[in-house]
């Protein structure tokens, strides 16, 4: 499981989760020598398949990442949007999770370049 400082008294609880998600989502699966399962295949999906299929694959990858590394925090809803601008693709992700018994929607925006 991924270690996030998720103490209930944390002033930046949502920020901690968002930062952890950004770290997971921008780490290529297989790039951590002693933990090859850590990370996602988001960048691969963005550049190797069409956008509609990529959206579905990325959503499944995010759900798997939660189950593997963020088990206590399961997403209620995952929405992804891919925006293309030349060789740069922006992934806008909206994830609804339960934090302190309330639904919270976390928004992430990451840019990827082929390469």
Protein backbone atom coordinates (compact mmCIF):
# COMPACT_ATOMS: atom_id res chain seq x y z
CA UNK A 1 0.00 0.00 0.00
CA UNK A 2 1.16 3.53 -0.73
CA UNK A 3 2.05 5.50 2.39
CA UNK A 4 0.19 8.82 2.57
CA UNK A 5 -0.03 10.96 5.66
CA UNK A 6 -3.76 10.45 6.08
CA UNK A 7 -4.24 11.36 9.71
CA UNK A 8 -7.72 12.69 10.30
CA UNK A 9 -6.31 15.74 12.05
CA UNK A 10 -4.21 16.74 9.05
CA UNK A 11 -4.94 20.26 7.84
CA UNK A 12 -4.04 19.27 4.28
CA UNK A 13 -5.82 15.91 4.12
CA UNK A 14 -7.21 16.39 0.60
CA UNK A 15 -3.93 17.89 -0.61
CA UNK A 16 -2.02 14.87 0.71
CA UNK A 17 -4.30 12.51 -1.18
CA UNK A 18 -4.13 14.60 -4.36
CA UNK A 19 -0.32 14.70 -4.18
CA UNK A 20 -0.17 10.92 -3.65
CA UNK A 21 -2.45 10.40 -6.64
CA UNK A 22 -0.31 12.68 -8.79
CA UNK A 23 2.77 10.68 -7.78
CA UNK A 24 1.08 7.40 -8.62
CA UNK A 25 -0.39 8.62 -11.90
CA UNK A 26 2.84 10.14 -13.20
CA UNK A 27 5.01 7.15 -12.29
CA UNK A 28 5.31 4.69 -15.15
CA UNK A 29 4.46 1.15 -14.11
CA UNK A 30 7.66 -0.87 -13.95
CA UNK A 31 9.96 2.10 -13.36
CA UNK A 32 10.52 1.47 -9.63
CA UNK A 33 13.14 -1.32 -9.36
CA UNK A 34 11.88 -2.98 -6.17
CA UNK A 35 8.19 -2.42 -6.86
CA UNK A 36 7.47 -3.00 -10.56
CA UNK A 37 3.69 -2.93 -9.99
CA UNK A 38 3.79 0.64 -8.64
CA UNK A 39 2.50 3.34 -10.98
CA UNK A 40 0.19 3.37 -13.99
CA UNK A 41 0.20 2.88 -17.74
CA UNK A 42 -1.52 6.22 -18.34
CA UNK A 43 1.16 7.64 -20.62
CA UNK A 44 1.25 4.44 -22.68
CA UNK A 45 -2.53 4.53 -23.15
CA UNK A 46 -2.52 8.21 -24.09
CA UNK A 47 -0.13 7.74 -26.99
CA UNK A 48 -0.69 4.18 -28.18
CA UNK A 49 -4.47 3.96 -28.58
CA UNK A 50 -7.29 6.27 -29.70
CA UNK A 51 -8.75 8.71 -27.16
CA UNK A 52 -12.03 6.85 -26.55
CA UNK A 53 -10.27 3.58 -25.78
CA UNK A 54 -7.58 5.43 -23.82
CA UNK A 55 -10.23 7.01 -21.56
CA UNK A 56 -11.68 3.60 -20.71
CA UNK A 57 -8.26 2.01 -20.15
CA UNK A 58 -7.09 4.91 -17.99
CA UNK A 59 -10.26 4.71 -15.87
CA UNK A 60 -9.67 0.98 -15.30
CA UNK A 61 -6.00 1.63 -14.53
CA UNK A 62 -6.94 4.27 -11.95
CA UNK A 63 -9.43 1.90 -10.32
CA UNK A 64 -6.77 -0.85 -10.19
CA UNK A 65 -4.23 1.60 -8.74
CA UNK A 66 -6.67 2.47 -5.95
CA UNK A 67 -7.31 -1.20 -5.15
CA UNK A 68 -3.60 -2.03 -5.13
CA UNK A 69 -2.03 1.01 -3.46
CA UNK A 70 -4.79 3.09 -1.86
CA UNK A 71 -7.07 0.31 -0.67
CA UNK A 72 -8.84 2.16 2.16
CA UNK A 73 -9.69 4.98 -0.27
CA UNK A 74 -11.89 3.52 -2.97
CA UNK A 75 -13.21 5.81 -5.72
CA UNK A 76 -16.96 6.18 -5.99
CA UNK A 77 -16.62 7.77 -9.42
CA UNK A 78 -13.78 8.29 -11.88
CA UNK A 79 -14.02 10.62 -14.86
CA UNK A 80 -11.23 11.31 -17.33
CA UNK A 81 -10.98 13.77 -20.18
CA UNK A 82 -8.15 13.84 -22.70
CA UNK A 83 -7.32 17.16 -24.35
CA UNK A 84 -4.95 17.10 -27.30
CA UNK A 85 -2.86 20.09 -28.36
CA UNK A 86 -0.17 19.21 -30.85
CA UNK A 87 2.22 16.70 -29.30
CA UNK A 88 0.99 17.42 -25.79
CA UNK A 89 -1.91 15.60 -24.19
CA UNK A 90 -3.52 16.88 -21.03
CA UNK A 91 -5.34 14.42 -18.83
CA UNK A 92 -8.00 15.96 -16.61
CA UNK A 93 -9.13 13.50 -13.98
CA UNK A 94 -11.98 13.88 -11.54
CA UNK A 95 -12.19 11.29 -8.75
CA UNK A 96 -14.89 11.20 -6.09
CA UNK A 97 -13.82 9.51 -2.85
CA UNK A 98 -15.18 9.45 0.69
CA UNK A 99 -13.06 11.50 3.09
CA UNK A 100 -14.18 11.88 6.70
CA UNK A 101 -17.61 10.44 5.80
CA UNK A 102 -18.18 13.04 3.06
CA UNK A 103 -17.93 12.74 -0.71
CA UNK A 104 -15.03 14.79 -2.01
CA UNK A 105 -14.17 15.27 -5.65
CA UNK A 106 -10.45 15.54 -6.31
CA UNK A 107 -9.37 17.09 -9.58
CA UNK A 108 -6.02 16.36 -11.17
CA UNK A 109 -4.53 17.81 -14.33
CA UNK A 110 -1.39 16.30 -15.83
CA UNK A 111 0.36 17.01 -19.11
CA UNK A 112 2.17 14.33 -21.09
CA UNK A 113 4.48 14.60 -24.09
CA UNK A 114 5.32 11.71 -26.37
CA UNK A 115 8.80 10.59 -25.72
